[in-house]
Amino acid sequence: IKEEIVRSGFWYLLALRLFALIPFFLVTLLAALSPIRLQEFVAATAIGIMPATLLFSYAGAQLGYINT
């Protein structure tokens, strides 16, 4: 498993961030205990949380238009 995480850790972390099956803090904790590099962790986290961030930002912006 360790060799697989070293080889494809970015993709595993990206999938966990995108699908959010495991709580965010637990994914971060598991990534810290794994041999994944810091650059891969930062890139996978940035890309993985982007869709949810955009969705929540859009929803928050639309709250101002509910009463109109």
C-alpha atoms as a PDB file:
ATOM      1  CA  ILE A   1       0.000   0.000   0.000  1.00  0.00           C
ATOM      2  CA  LYS A   2       2.837   2.352   0.851  1.00  0.00           C
ATOM      3  CA  GLU A   3       4.392   1.967  -2.604  1.00  0.00           C
ATOM      4  CA  GLU A   4       1.016   2.597  -4.249  1.00  0.00           C
ATOM      5  CA  ILE A   5       0.515   5.778  -2.227  1.00  0.00           C
ATOM      6  CA  VAL A   6       4.007   6.994  -3.121  1.00  0.00           C
ATOM      7  CA  ARG A   7       3.298   6.329  -6.808  1.00  0.00           C
ATOM      8  CA  SER A   8      -0.345   7.543  -7.007  1.00  0.00           C
ATOM      9  CA  GLY A   9      -0.894   9.453  -3.788  1.00  0.00           C
ATOM     10  CA  PHE A  10      -1.954  12.612  -5.596  1.00  0.00           C
ATOM     11  CA  TRP A  11      -4.829  10.816  -7.347  1.00  0.00           C
ATOM     12  CA  TYR A  12      -6.028   9.078  -4.188  1.00  0.00           C
ATOM     13  CA  LEU A  13      -6.010  12.328  -2.247  1.00  0.00           C
ATOM     14  CA  LEU A  14      -7.718  14.185  -5.074  1.00  0.00           C
ATOM     15  CA  ALA A  15     -10.483  11.580  -5.212  1.00  0.00           C
ATOM     16  CA  LEU A  16     -11.000  11.756  -1.448  1.00  0.00           C
ATOM     17  CA  ARG A  17     -11.214  15.557  -1.589  1.00  0.00           C
ATOM     18  CA  LEU A  18     -13.616  15.600  -4.555  1.00  0.00           C
ATOM     19  CA  PHE A  19     -16.045  12.946  -3.330  1.00  0.00           C
ATOM     20  CA  ALA A  20     -15.922  13.883   0.379  1.00  0.00           C
ATOM     21  CA  LEU A  21     -16.761  10.398   1.626  1.00  0.00           C
ATOM     22  CA  ILE A  22     -14.407  10.798   4.574  1.00  0.00           C
ATOM     23  CA  PRO A  23     -14.446  13.948   6.767  1.00  0.00           C
ATOM     24  CA  PHE A  24     -11.977  16.628   5.709  1.00  0.00           C
ATOM     25  CA  PHE A  25      -9.923  16.560   8.899  1.00  0.00           C
ATOM     26  CA  LEU A  26      -9.556  12.778   8.721  1.00  0.00           C
ATOM     27  CA  VAL A  27      -8.278  12.921   5.127  1.00  0.00           C
ATOM     28  CA  THR A  28      -5.751  15.546   6.211  1.00  0.00           C
ATOM     29  CA  LEU A  29      -4.661  13.414   9.151  1.00  0.00           C
ATOM     30  CA  LEU A  30      -4.268  10.315   6.987  1.00  0.00           C
ATOM     31  CA  ALA A  31      -2.311  12.301   4.408  1.00  0.00           C
ATOM     32  CA  ALA A  32       0.017  13.531   7.135  1.00  0.00           C
ATOM     33  CA  LEU A  33       0.705   9.949   8.175  1.00  0.00           C
ATOM     34  CA  SER A  34       1.274   8.781   4.612  1.00  0.00           C
ATOM     35  CA  PRO A  35       4.432   9.215   2.522  1.00  0.00           C
ATOM     36  CA  ILE A  36       2.765  11.743   0.180  1.00  0.00           C
ATOM     37  CA  ARG A  37       4.900  14.772  -0.654  1.00  0.00           C
ATOM     38  CA  LEU A  38       3.893  18.263   0.465  1.00  0.00           C
ATOM     39  CA  GLN A  39       3.616  19.556  -3.111  1.00  0.00           C
ATOM     40  CA  GLU A  40       1.233  16.733  -4.029  1.00  0.00           C
ATOM     41  CA  PHE A  41      -0.823  17.339  -0.882  1.00  0.00           C
ATOM     42  CA  VAL A  42      -1.177  21.068  -1.581  1.00  0.00           C
ATOM     43  CA  ALA A  43      -2.019  20.578  -5.257  1.00  0.00           C
ATOM     44  CA  ALA A  44      -4.575  17.807  -4.631  1.00  0.00           C
ATOM     45  CA  THR A  45      -6.202  19.805  -1.843  1.00  0.00           C
ATOM     46  CA  ALA A  46      -6.396  22.997  -3.911  1.00  0.00           C
ATOM     47  CA  ILE A  47      -7.888  21.219  -6.914  1.00  0.00           C
ATOM     48  CA  GLY A  48     -10.119  18.961  -4.831  1.00  0.00           C
ATOM     49  CA  ILE A  49     -11.830  21.668  -2.796  1.00  0.00           C
ATOM     50  CA  MET A  50     -12.327  24.028  -5.734  1.00  0.00           C
ATOM     51  CA  PRO A  51     -15.718  22.652  -6.946  1.00  0.00           C
ATOM     52  CA  ALA A  52     -17.289  22.807  -3.486  1.00  0.00           C
ATOM     53  CA  THR A  53     -15.833  26.266  -2.877  1.00  0.00           C
ATOM     54  CA  LEU A  54     -17.284  27.582  -6.130  1.00  0.00           C
ATOM     55  CA  LEU A  55     -20.650  25.983  -5.398  1.00  0.00           C
ATOM     56  CA  PHE A  56     -20.871  27.429  -1.897  1.00  0.00           C
ATOM     57  CA  SER A  57     -19.710  30.852  -3.118  1.00  0.00           C
ATOM     58  CA  TYR A  58     -22.374  30.862  -5.813  1.00  0.00           C
ATOM     59  CA  ALA A  59     -25.055  29.751  -3.356  1.00  0.00           C
ATOM     60  CA  GLY A  60     -24.027  32.452  -0.909  1.00  0.00           C
ATOM     61  CA  ALA A  61     -24.128  35.116  -3.596  1.00  0.00           C
ATOM     62  CA  GLN A  62     -27.637  34.024  -4.591  1.00  0.00           C
ATOM     63  CA  LEU A  63     -28.929  34.397  -1.025  1.00  0.00           C
ATOM     64  CA  GLY A  64     -29.030  38.150  -1.551  1.00  0.00           C
ATOM     65  CA  TYR A  65     -31.518  37.708  -4.402  1.00  0.00           C
ATOM     66  CA  ILE A  66     -34.008  35.483  -2.567  1.00  0.00           C
ATOM     67  CA  ASN A  67     -36.127  38.355  -1.252  1.00  0.00           C
ATOM     68  CA  THR A  68     -36.234  40.200  -4.578  1.00  0.00           C
END
